[in-house]
């Protein structure tokens, strides 16, 4: 998907890392990574199919869950090419345009996911505090508006970042701290004055993740849905940890960077379908029903 190149005459290239100190075992390490990516892709795709095919799942909370699954698919597909290129083909180099494109999708989709989590918390809040008005408030158009607002907000806030970074020279070794392109990494590698871009990145974080976390603090609604609380924890903890590591720590272990960054973008897409499938009383019967139908069709 991404254009990996070793040299370029008119634009810089960036070297992404695998797992420092374990370069000789990268082929073996790729096996669990492939399995995790496969499980994340299959699990989220299965959720989308279930919500579309099963009439009993045509409710606002499952529409939001489908949005979450679609966003997780996008996140997995955004990072998978560069990660597997390192482990399978020992390709560590990526061009500037491809790197900025990957960075855009990672941050935009992360912001969309944060917005969808807020919408899911609002859904549970209405279900708890105003159950008689639930169907009147959360109509199909309201669900579509909430999802569309999350996408528009994310695209609008993230879109300027690649263009701002495109104006800076990159004249050093250009070694990334992760297996993918991440905004704080790009800012650290820029040779020019990246103060404005750094401030804009901080504003982006404040207007997305910080605001969304405050909205998710309605513990009464979260208490009614333990799986949602688990997903919020799994999503925000690695994200905040990665931001703190980049901003406030020096000489951090590269293995720690790699572990947190992979947890940030791999564990959430993997755990979302698993947690909701185990906790939701509607999804399990729907899954069994669809599996039984497919078995009957195959038997005929």
C-alpha atoms as a PDB file:
ATOM      1  CA  UNK A   1       0.000   0.000   0.000  1.00  0.00           C
ATOM      2  CA  UNK A   2       2.750   2.392   0.941  1.00  0.00           C
ATOM      3  CA  UNK A   3       5.632   3.302  -1.350  1.00  0.00           C
ATOM      4  CA  UNK A   4       8.803   2.041   0.312  1.00  0.00           C
ATOM      5  CA  UNK A   5      12.051   3.208  -1.196  1.00  0.00           C
ATOM      6  CA  UNK A   6      15.684   3.228  -0.162  1.00  0.00           C
ATOM      7  CA  UNK A   7      16.816   6.415  -1.882  1.00  0.00           C
ATOM      8  CA  UNK A   8      15.233   9.493  -3.361  1.00  0.00           C
ATOM      9  CA  UNK A   9      16.881  12.407  -5.071  1.00  0.00           C
ATOM     10  CA  UNK A  10      14.232  15.063  -4.414  1.00  0.00           C
ATOM     11  CA  UNK A  11      12.684  14.080  -1.096  1.00  0.00           C
ATOM     12  CA  UNK A  12      13.935  12.632   2.187  1.00  0.00           C
ATOM     13  CA  UNK A  13      13.384   9.070   3.302  1.00  0.00           C
ATOM     14  CA  UNK A  14      12.744   7.816   6.816  1.00  0.00           C
ATOM     15  CA  UNK A  15      14.023   4.691   8.488  1.00  0.00           C
ATOM     16  CA  UNK A  16      11.489   2.899  10.671  1.00  0.00           C
ATOM     17  CA  UNK A  17      12.474   0.440  13.379  1.00  0.00           C
ATOM     18  CA  UNK A  18      11.365  -3.064  14.177  1.00  0.00           C
ATOM     19  CA  UNK A  19      12.170  -4.331  17.657  1.00  0.00           C
ATOM     20  CA  UNK A  20      15.622  -3.042  18.694  1.00  0.00           C
ATOM     21  CA  UNK A  21      18.041  -5.756  19.710  1.00  0.00           C
ATOM     22  CA  UNK A  22      15.973  -8.522  18.143  1.00  0.00           C
ATOM     23  CA  UNK A  23      16.736  -7.918  14.480  1.00  0.00           C
ATOM     24  CA  UNK A  24      17.944 -11.502  13.968  1.00  0.00           C
ATOM     25  CA  UNK A  25      14.608 -12.889  15.163  1.00  0.00           C
ATOM     26  CA  UNK A  26      12.373 -10.581  13.143  1.00  0.00           C
ATOM     27  CA  UNK A  27      11.118 -13.376  10.880  1.00  0.00           C
ATOM     28  CA  UNK A  28       9.917 -15.334  13.911  1.00  0.00           C
ATOM     29  CA  UNK A  29       8.490 -12.226  15.560  1.00  0.00           C
ATOM     30  CA  UNK A  30       6.456 -11.598  12.412  1.00  0.00           C
ATOM     31  CA  UNK A  31       4.390 -14.747  13.078  1.00  0.00           C
ATOM     32  CA  UNK A  32       2.554 -13.444  16.182  1.00  0.00           C
ATOM     33  CA  UNK A  33       2.249 -10.013  14.554  1.00  0.00           C
ATOM     34  CA  UNK A  34       0.610 -11.579  11.498  1.00  0.00           C
ATOM     35  CA  UNK A  35      -1.754 -13.580  13.693  1.00  0.00           C
ATOM     36  CA  UNK A  36      -2.724 -10.491  15.689  1.00  0.00           C
ATOM     37  CA  UNK A  37      -3.364  -8.466  12.533  1.00  0.00           C
ATOM     38  CA  UNK A  38      -5.364 -11.345  11.051  1.00  0.00           C
ATOM     39  CA  UNK A  39      -7.491 -11.671  14.188  1.00  0.00           C
ATOM     40  CA  UNK A  40      -8.096  -7.904  14.252  1.00  0.00           C
ATOM     41  CA  UNK A  41      -9.133  -7.831  10.583  1.00  0.00           C
ATOM     42  CA  UNK A  42     -11.352 -10.906  10.811  1.00  0.00           C
ATOM     43  CA  UNK A  43     -12.957  -9.870  14.105  1.00  0.00           C
ATOM     44  CA  UNK A  44     -13.876  -6.370  12.962  1.00  0.00           C
ATOM     45  CA  UNK A  45     -15.012  -7.544   9.530  1.00  0.00           C
ATOM     46  CA  UNK A  46     -17.211 -10.155  11.205  1.00  0.00           C
ATOM     47  CA  UNK A  47     -18.795  -7.479  13.403  1.00  0.00           C
ATOM     48  CA  UNK A  48     -19.617  -5.402  10.338  1.00  0.00           C
ATOM     49  CA  UNK A  49     -21.184  -8.407   8.612  1.00  0.00           C
ATOM     50  CA  UNK A  50     -23.228  -9.304  11.691  1.00  0.00           C
ATOM     51  CA  UNK A  51     -24.602  -5.781  12.159  1.00  0.00           C
ATOM     52  CA  UNK A  52     -25.584  -5.619   8.498  1.00  0.00           C
ATOM     53  CA  UNK A  53     -27.087  -9.103   8.260  1.00  0.00           C
ATOM     54  CA  UNK A  54     -28.841  -9.483  11.610  1.00  0.00           C
ATOM     55  CA  UNK A  55     -32.098  -7.552  12.002  1.00  0.00           C
ATOM     56  CA  UNK A  56     -31.928  -7.642  15.822  1.00  0.00           C
ATOM     57  CA  UNK A  57     -28.690  -5.633  15.682  1.00  0.00           C
ATOM     58  CA  UNK A  58     -30.215  -2.739  13.758  1.00  0.00           C
ATOM     59  CA  UNK A  59     -30.103  -0.484  16.803  1.00  0.00           C
ATOM     60  CA  UNK A  60     -28.080   2.702  17.535  1.00  0.00           C
ATOM     61  CA  UNK A  61     -25.579   1.025  19.879  1.00  0.00           C
ATOM     62  CA  UNK A  62     -24.694  -1.549  17.231  1.00  0.00           C
ATOM     63  CA  UNK A  63     -24.489   1.068  14.496  1.00  0.00           C
ATOM     64  CA  UNK A  64     -21.886   2.825  16.647  1.00  0.00           C
ATOM     65  CA  UNK A  65     -20.162  -0.506  17.170  1.00  0.00           C
ATOM     66  CA  UNK A  66     -20.053  -0.975  13.390  1.00  0.00           C
ATOM     67  CA  UNK A  67     -18.467   2.481  13.056  1.00  0.00           C
ATOM     68  CA  UNK A  68     -15.892   1.453  15.647  1.00  0.00           C
ATOM     69  CA  UNK A  69     -15.149  -1.778  13.766  1.00  0.00           C
ATOM     70  CA  UNK A  70     -14.778   0.102  10.467  1.00  0.00           C
ATOM     71  CA  UNK A  71     -12.385   2.581  12.092  1.00  0.00           C
ATOM     72  CA  UNK A  72     -10.347  -0.257  13.595  1.00  0.00           C
ATOM     73  CA  UNK A  73     -10.092  -1.890  10.175  1.00  0.00           C
ATOM     74  CA  UNK A  74      -8.724   1.365   8.796  1.00  0.00           C
ATOM     75  CA  UNK A  75      -6.181   1.676  11.625  1.00  0.00           C
ATOM     76  CA  UNK A  76      -4.975  -1.890  11.118  1.00  0.00           C
ATOM     77  CA  UNK A  77      -4.632  -1.431   7.359  1.00  0.00           C
ATOM     78  CA  UNK A  78      -2.801   1.882   7.868  1.00  0.00           C
ATOM     79  CA  UNK A  79       0.009   0.350   9.913  1.00  0.00           C
ATOM     80  CA  UNK A  80       0.096  -3.233   8.640  1.00  0.00           C
ATOM     81  CA  UNK A  81       2.075  -2.589   5.406  1.00  0.00           C
ATOM     82  CA  UNK A  82       4.977  -0.806   7.093  1.00  0.00           C
ATOM     83  CA  UNK A  83       5.104  -3.206  10.066  1.00  0.00           C
ATOM     84  CA  UNK A  84       5.042  -6.367   7.959  1.00  0.00           C
ATOM     85  CA  UNK A  85       7.488  -4.883   5.430  1.00  0.00           C
ATOM     86  CA  UNK A  86      10.017  -4.579   8.258  1.00  0.00           C
ATOM     87  CA  UNK A  87       9.508  -8.096   9.604  1.00  0.00           C
ATOM     88  CA  UNK A  88       9.039  -9.950   6.295  1.00  0.00           C
ATOM     89  CA  UNK A  89      11.282  -8.129   3.822  1.00  0.00           C
ATOM     90  CA  UNK A  90      13.630  -6.159   6.103  1.00  0.00           C
ATOM     91  CA  UNK A  91      12.494  -2.959   4.391  1.00  0.00           C
ATOM     92  CA  UNK A  92      12.968  -0.076   6.812  1.00  0.00           C
ATOM     93  CA  UNK A  93      12.698   2.920   4.494  1.00  0.00           C
ATOM     94  CA  UNK A  94       9.678   4.978   3.525  1.00  0.00           C
ATOM     95  CA  UNK A  95       9.443   8.146   1.437  1.00  0.00           C
ATOM     96  CA  UNK A  96       8.236  11.483   2.765  1.00  0.00           C
ATOM     97  CA  UNK A  97       4.901  11.550   0.922  1.00  0.00           C
ATOM     98  CA  UNK A  98       4.060   7.978   1.909  1.00  0.00           C
ATOM     99  CA  UNK A  99       5.070   8.727   5.501  1.00  0.00           C
ATOM    100  CA  UNK A 100       2.875  11.834   5.674  1.00  0.00           C
ATOM    101  CA  UNK A 101      -0.033   9.913   4.166  1.00  0.00           C
ATOM    102  CA  UNK A 102       0.310   7.151   6.711  1.00  0.00           C
ATOM    103  CA  UNK A 103       0.590   9.701   9.511  1.00  0.00           C
ATOM    104  CA  UNK A 104      -2.602  11.421   8.342  1.00  0.00           C
ATOM    105  CA  UNK A 105      -4.648   8.216   8.355  1.00  0.00           C
ATOM    106  CA  UNK A 106      -3.282   7.060  11.726  1.00  0.00           C
ATOM    107  CA  UNK A 107      -4.088  10.322  13.510  1.00  0.00           C
ATOM    108  CA  UNK A 108      -7.364  10.942  11.675  1.00  0.00           C
ATOM    109  CA  UNK A 109      -8.690   7.438  12.353  1.00  0.00           C
ATOM    110  CA  UNK A 110      -7.539   7.601  15.983  1.00  0.00           C
ATOM    111  CA  UNK A 111      -9.493  10.824  16.358  1.00  0.00           C
ATOM    112  CA  UNK A 112     -12.535   9.245  14.681  1.00  0.00           C
ATOM    113  CA  UNK A 113     -12.347   6.319  17.094  1.00  0.00           C
ATOM    114  CA  UNK A 114     -12.209   8.697  20.035  1.00  0.00           C
ATOM    115  CA  UNK A 115     -15.306  10.469  18.724  1.00  0.00           C
ATOM    116  CA  UNK A 116     -17.154   7.184  18.211  1.00  0.00           C
ATOM    117  CA  UNK A 117     -16.362   6.162  21.797  1.00  0.00           C
ATOM    118  CA  UNK A 118     -17.943   9.416  22.961  1.00  0.00           C
ATOM    119  CA  UNK A 119     -21.014   8.708  20.823  1.00  0.00           C
ATOM    120  CA  UNK A 120     -21.254   5.226  22.353  1.00  0.00           C
ATOM    121  CA  UNK A 121     -21.042   6.722  25.853  1.00  0.00           C
ATOM    122  CA  UNK A 122     -23.813   9.160  24.916  1.00  0.00           C
ATOM    123  CA  UNK A 123     -25.885   6.235  23.657  1.00  0.00           C
ATOM    124  CA  UNK A 124     -25.540   4.466  27.028  1.00  0.00           C
ATOM    125  CA  UNK A 125     -26.245   7.735  28.873  1.00  0.00           C
ATOM    126  CA  UNK A 126     -29.543   8.179  27.038  1.00  0.00           C
ATOM    127  CA  UNK A 127     -30.429   4.516  27.588  1.00  0.00           C
ATOM    128  CA  UNK A 128     -29.893   4.936  31.359  1.00  0.00           C
ATOM    129  CA  UNK A 129     -31.210   8.439  32.007  1.00  0.00           C
ATOM    130  CA  UNK A 130     -33.981   8.709  29.399  1.00  0.00           C
ATOM    131  CA  UNK A 131     -35.001   5.187  28.350  1.00  0.00           C
ATOM    132  CA  UNK A 132     -38.512   6.263  27.317  1.00  0.00           C
ATOM    133  CA  UNK A 133     -37.055   8.840  24.912  1.00  0.00           C
ATOM    134  CA  UNK A 134     -34.265   6.602  23.606  1.00  0.00           C
ATOM    135  CA  UNK A 135     -35.819   5.819  20.220  1.00  0.00           C
ATOM    136  CA  UNK A 136     -36.974   9.420  19.790  1.00  0.00           C
ATOM    137  CA  UNK A 137     -33.529  10.913  20.491  1.00  0.00           C
ATOM    138  CA  UNK A 138     -31.283   8.360  18.796  1.00  0.00           C
ATOM    139  CA  UNK A 139     -32.888   8.061  15.399  1.00  0.00           C
ATOM    140  CA  UNK A 140     -31.073   6.793  12.303  1.00  0.00           C
ATOM    141  CA  UNK A 141     -30.404  10.374  11.219  1.00  0.00           C
ATOM    142  CA  UNK A 142     -29.047  11.282  14.676  1.00  0.00           C
ATOM    143  CA  UNK A 143     -26.685   8.294  14.607  1.00  0.00           C
ATOM    144  CA  UNK A 144     -25.522   9.271  11.107  1.00  0.00           C
ATOM    145  CA  UNK A 145     -24.965  12.872  12.216  1.00  0.00           C
ATOM    146  CA  UNK A 146     -22.886  11.810  15.217  1.00  0.00           C
ATOM    147  CA  UNK A 147     -20.758   9.525  13.073  1.00  0.00           C
ATOM    148  CA  UNK A 148     -20.395  12.134  10.356  1.00  0.00           C
ATOM    149  CA  UNK A 149     -19.420  14.785  12.909  1.00  0.00           C
ATOM    150  CA  UNK A 150     -16.622  12.540  14.211  1.00  0.00           C
ATOM    151  CA  UNK A 151     -15.263  12.046  10.683  1.00  0.00           C
ATOM    152  CA  UNK A 152     -15.531  15.714   9.667  1.00  0.00           C
ATOM    153  CA  UNK A 153     -13.922  16.914  12.903  1.00  0.00           C
ATOM    154  CA  UNK A 154     -11.011  14.517  12.515  1.00  0.00           C
ATOM    155  CA  UNK A 155     -10.388  15.198   8.839  1.00  0.00           C
ATOM    156  CA  UNK A 156     -10.583  18.965   9.352  1.00  0.00           C
ATOM    157  CA  UNK A 157      -8.162  19.029  12.277  1.00  0.00           C
ATOM    158  CA  UNK A 158      -5.633  16.535  10.911  1.00  0.00           C
ATOM    159  CA  UNK A 159      -5.566  17.658   7.253  1.00  0.00           C
ATOM    160  CA  UNK A 160      -3.260  20.699   7.796  1.00  0.00           C
ATOM    161  CA  UNK A 161      -0.575  18.649   9.559  1.00  0.00           C
ATOM    162  CA  UNK A 162       0.930  16.900   6.477  1.00  0.00           C
ATOM    163  CA  UNK A 163       1.041  20.188   4.581  1.00  0.00           C
ATOM    164  CA  UNK A 164       2.746  21.955   7.487  1.00  0.00           C
ATOM    165  CA  UNK A 165       5.351  19.205   7.814  1.00  0.00           C
ATOM    166  CA  UNK A 166       5.876  19.178   4.031  1.00  0.00           C
ATOM    167  CA  UNK A 167       7.344  22.676   4.282  1.00  0.00           C
ATOM    168  CA  UNK A 168      10.135  21.660   6.677  1.00  0.00           C
ATOM    169  CA  UNK A 169      13.530  20.258   5.665  1.00  0.00           C
ATOM    170  CA  UNK A 170      14.573  16.870   7.039  1.00  0.00           C
ATOM    171  CA  UNK A 171      18.347  16.791   7.016  1.00  0.00           C
ATOM    172  CA  UNK A 172      19.364  14.305   9.703  1.00  0.00           C
ATOM    173  CA  UNK A 173      19.406  10.519   9.914  1.00  0.00           C
ATOM    174  CA  UNK A 174      15.575  10.541   9.925  1.00  0.00           C
ATOM    175  CA  UNK A 175      15.226   7.463  12.127  1.00  0.00           C
ATOM    176  CA  UNK A 176      11.689   6.962  13.375  1.00  0.00           C
ATOM    177  CA  UNK A 177      10.988   5.605  16.858  1.00  0.00           C
ATOM    178  CA  UNK A 178       8.203   3.313  15.654  1.00  0.00           C
ATOM    179  CA  UNK A 179       7.293   0.966  12.853  1.00  0.00           C
ATOM    180  CA  UNK A 180       5.062   3.656  11.371  1.00  0.00           C
ATOM    181  CA  UNK A 181       5.012   7.441  10.932  1.00  0.00           C
ATOM    182  CA  UNK A 182       3.857   9.333  14.007  1.00  0.00           C
ATOM    183  CA  UNK A 183       3.484  13.114  14.381  1.00  0.00           C
ATOM    184  CA  UNK A 184       5.815  13.672  17.401  1.00  0.00           C
ATOM    185  CA  UNK A 185       8.520  11.691  15.591  1.00  0.00           C
ATOM    186  CA  UNK A 186       8.170  13.834  12.485  1.00  0.00           C
ATOM    187  CA  UNK A 187       8.342  17.043  14.520  1.00  0.00           C
ATOM    188  CA  UNK A 188      11.498  15.875  16.292  1.00  0.00           C
ATOM    189  CA  UNK A 189      13.186  15.080  12.974  1.00  0.00           C
ATOM    190  CA  UNK A 190      12.331  18.401  11.283  1.00  0.00           C
ATOM    191  CA  UNK A 191      15.381  20.660  10.929  1.00  0.00           C
ATOM    192  CA  UNK A 192      13.452  23.934  10.757  1.00  0.00           C
ATOM    193  CA  UNK A 193      11.473  25.704  13.454  1.00  0.00           C
ATOM    194  CA  UNK A 194       8.543  23.369  14.008  1.00  0.00           C
ATOM    195  CA  UNK A 195       7.092  25.367  16.913  1.00  0.00           C
ATOM    196  CA  UNK A 196       3.883  26.242  15.101  1.00  0.00           C
ATOM    197  CA  UNK A 197       3.330  22.654  14.003  1.00  0.00           C
ATOM    198  CA  UNK A 198       4.005  21.449  17.537  1.00  0.00           C
ATOM    199  CA  UNK A 199       1.498  23.941  18.960  1.00  0.00           C
ATOM    200  CA  UNK A 200      -1.042  22.945  16.326  1.00  0.00           C
ATOM    201  CA  UNK A 201      -0.515  19.280  17.207  1.00  0.00           C
ATOM    202  CA  UNK A 202      -1.121  20.117  20.876  1.00  0.00           C
ATOM    203  CA  UNK A 203      -4.315  21.994  19.958  1.00  0.00           C
ATOM    204  CA  UNK A 204      -5.416  18.973  17.924  1.00  0.00           C
ATOM    205  CA  UNK A 205      -4.925  16.704  20.939  1.00  0.00           C
ATOM    206  CA  UNK A 206      -6.790  19.081  23.235  1.00  0.00           C
ATOM    207  CA  UNK A 207      -9.729  19.465  20.853  1.00  0.00           C
ATOM    208  CA  UNK A 208     -10.080  15.728  20.271  1.00  0.00           C
ATOM    209  CA  UNK A 209      -8.772  13.314  22.864  1.00  0.00           C
ATOM    210  CA  UNK A 210      -8.839  15.639  25.904  1.00  0.00           C
ATOM    211  CA  UNK A 211     -12.378  16.804  25.159  1.00  0.00           C
ATOM    212  CA  UNK A 212     -13.514  13.262  24.429  1.00  0.00           C
ATOM    213  CA  UNK A 213     -12.064  11.933  27.694  1.00  0.00           C
ATOM    214  CA  UNK A 214     -13.972  14.622  29.618  1.00  0.00           C
ATOM    215  CA  UNK A 215     -17.158  13.632  27.843  1.00  0.00           C
ATOM    216  CA  UNK A 216     -16.539   9.992  28.737  1.00  0.00           C
ATOM    217  CA  UNK A 217     -16.435  10.760  32.454  1.00  0.00           C
ATOM    218  CA  UNK A 218     -20.124  10.039  32.965  1.00  0.00           C
ATOM    219  CA  UNK A 219     -19.476   7.081  35.226  1.00  0.00           C
ATOM    220  CA  UNK A 220     -23.143   6.277  35.658  1.00  0.00           C
ATOM    221  CA  UNK A 221     -23.513   5.469  31.987  1.00  0.00           C
ATOM    222  CA  UNK A 222     -20.152   3.699  31.821  1.00  0.00           C
ATOM    223  CA  UNK A 223     -21.008   1.580  34.846  1.00  0.00           C
ATOM    224  CA  UNK A 224     -23.927   0.114  32.921  1.00  0.00           C
ATOM    225  CA  UNK A 225     -21.609  -1.044  30.175  1.00  0.00           C
ATOM    226  CA  UNK A 226     -18.405  -2.584  31.514  1.00  0.00           C
ATOM    227  CA  UNK A 227     -17.228  -3.492  28.017  1.00  0.00           C
ATOM    228  CA  UNK A 228     -17.308   0.164  26.978  1.00  0.00           C
ATOM    229  CA  UNK A 229     -15.235   1.103  30.015  1.00  0.00           C
ATOM    230  CA  UNK A 230     -12.698  -1.581  29.074  1.00  0.00           C
ATOM    231  CA  UNK A 231     -12.438  -0.275  25.513  1.00  0.00           C
ATOM    232  CA  UNK A 232     -12.011   3.323  26.705  1.00  0.00           C
ATOM    233  CA  UNK A 233      -9.222   2.161  29.026  1.00  0.00           C
ATOM    234  CA  UNK A 234      -7.495   0.087  26.329  1.00  0.00           C
ATOM    235  CA  UNK A 235      -7.675   2.942  23.804  1.00  0.00           C
ATOM    236  CA  UNK A 236      -6.640   5.903  25.942  1.00  0.00           C
ATOM    237  CA  UNK A 237      -3.997   4.348  28.207  1.00  0.00           C
ATOM    238  CA  UNK A 238      -1.456   3.470  25.433  1.00  0.00           C
ATOM    239  CA  UNK A 239      -2.267   6.737  23.621  1.00  0.00           C
ATOM    240  CA  UNK A 240      -1.571   8.866  26.703  1.00  0.00           C
ATOM    241  CA  UNK A 241       1.485   6.778  27.610  1.00  0.00           C
ATOM    242  CA  UNK A 242       2.950   7.222  24.126  1.00  0.00           C
ATOM    243  CA  UNK A 243       2.364  10.981  24.238  1.00  0.00           C
ATOM    244  CA  UNK A 244       4.048  11.231  27.662  1.00  0.00           C
ATOM    245  CA  UNK A 245       7.041   9.180  26.490  1.00  0.00           C
ATOM    246  CA  UNK A 246       7.570  11.478  23.511  1.00  0.00           C
ATOM    247  CA  UNK A 247       7.120  14.718  25.398  1.00  0.00           C
ATOM    248  CA  UNK A 248       8.563  14.244  28.871  1.00  0.00           C
ATOM    249  CA  UNK A 249      11.139  11.452  28.814  1.00  0.00           C
ATOM    250  CA  UNK A 250      14.683  11.427  27.504  1.00  0.00           C
ATOM    251  CA  UNK A 251      16.809   8.410  26.596  1.00  0.00           C
ATOM    252  CA  UNK A 252      13.826   6.096  26.911  1.00  0.00           C
ATOM    253  CA  UNK A 253      14.425   2.449  26.094  1.00  0.00           C
ATOM    254  CA  UNK A 254      13.650   1.820  22.390  1.00  0.00           C
ATOM    255  CA  UNK A 255      11.934  -1.437  23.336  1.00  0.00           C
ATOM    256  CA  UNK A 256       9.557   0.518  25.586  1.00  0.00           C
ATOM    257  CA  UNK A 257       8.719   2.880  22.718  1.00  0.00           C
ATOM    258  CA  UNK A 258       8.084  -0.070  20.411  1.00  0.00           C
ATOM    259  CA  UNK A 259       5.929  -1.928  22.934  1.00  0.00           C
ATOM    260  CA  UNK A 260       3.715   1.073  23.739  1.00  0.00           C
ATOM    261  CA  UNK A 261       3.357   2.108  20.095  1.00  0.00           C
ATOM    262  CA  UNK A 262       2.309  -1.389  19.022  1.00  0.00           C
ATOM    263  CA  UNK A 263      -0.149  -1.595  21.928  1.00  0.00           C
ATOM    264  CA  UNK A 264      -1.585   1.773  20.871  1.00  0.00           C
ATOM    265  CA  UNK A 265      -2.482   0.770  17.333  1.00  0.00           C
ATOM    266  CA  UNK A 266      -2.721  -3.033  17.449  1.00  0.00           C
ATOM    267  CA  UNK A 267      -4.346  -4.051  20.716  1.00  0.00           C
ATOM    268  CA  UNK A 268      -7.393  -1.792  20.390  1.00  0.00           C
ATOM    269  CA  UNK A 269      -8.544  -3.186  16.997  1.00  0.00           C
ATOM    270  CA  UNK A 270      -7.843  -6.667  18.328  1.00  0.00           C
ATOM    271  CA  UNK A 271      -9.705  -6.323  21.631  1.00  0.00           C
ATOM    272  CA  UNK A 272     -12.729  -4.289  20.515  1.00  0.00           C
ATOM    273  CA  UNK A 273     -14.587  -7.122  18.752  1.00  0.00           C
ATOM    274  CA  UNK A 274     -13.503  -9.638  21.387  1.00  0.00           C
ATOM    275  CA  UNK A 275     -14.717  -7.569  24.350  1.00  0.00           C
ATOM    276  CA  UNK A 276     -18.053  -6.658  22.783  1.00  0.00           C
ATOM    277  CA  UNK A 277     -18.656 -10.208  21.572  1.00  0.00           C
ATOM    278  CA  UNK A 278     -18.079 -11.595  25.063  1.00  0.00           C
ATOM    279  CA  UNK A 279     -20.115  -8.956  26.874  1.00  0.00           C
ATOM    280  CA  UNK A 280     -23.027  -8.281  24.516  1.00  0.00           C
ATOM    281  CA  UNK A 281     -26.046 -10.535  24.965  1.00  0.00           C
ATOM    282  CA  UNK A 282     -27.293  -9.681  21.465  1.00  0.00           C
ATOM    283  CA  UNK A 283     -24.102 -10.335  19.521  1.00  0.00           C
ATOM    284  CA  UNK A 284     -23.514 -13.875  20.751  1.00  0.00           C
ATOM    285  CA  UNK A 285     -26.929 -15.212  19.633  1.00  0.00           C
ATOM    286  CA  UNK A 286     -26.563 -13.363  16.325  1.00  0.00           C
ATOM    287  CA  UNK A 287     -23.153 -14.914  15.775  1.00  0.00           C
ATOM    288  CA  UNK A 288     -24.452 -18.403  16.566  1.00  0.00           C
ATOM    289  CA  UNK A 289     -27.437 -17.874  14.283  1.00  0.00           C
ATOM    290  CA  UNK A 290     -25.328 -16.735  11.344  1.00  0.00           C
ATOM    291  CA  UNK A 291     -22.887 -19.608  11.897  1.00  0.00           C
ATOM    292  CA  UNK A 292     -25.771 -22.103  11.954  1.00  0.00           C
ATOM    293  CA  UNK A 293     -27.290 -20.619   8.791  1.00  0.00           C
ATOM    294  CA  UNK A 294     -23.984 -20.891   6.951  1.00  0.00           C
ATOM    295  CA  UNK A 295     -23.579 -24.502   8.119  1.00  0.00           C
ATOM    296  CA  UNK A 296     -27.063 -25.372   6.843  1.00  0.00           C
ATOM    297  CA  UNK A 297     -26.383 -23.709   3.512  1.00  0.00           C
ATOM    298  CA  UNK A 298     -23.052 -25.533   3.196  1.00  0.00           C
ATOM    299  CA  UNK A 299     -24.766 -28.837   4.060  1.00  0.00           C
ATOM    300  CA  UNK A 300     -27.314 -28.406   1.298  1.00  0.00           C
END
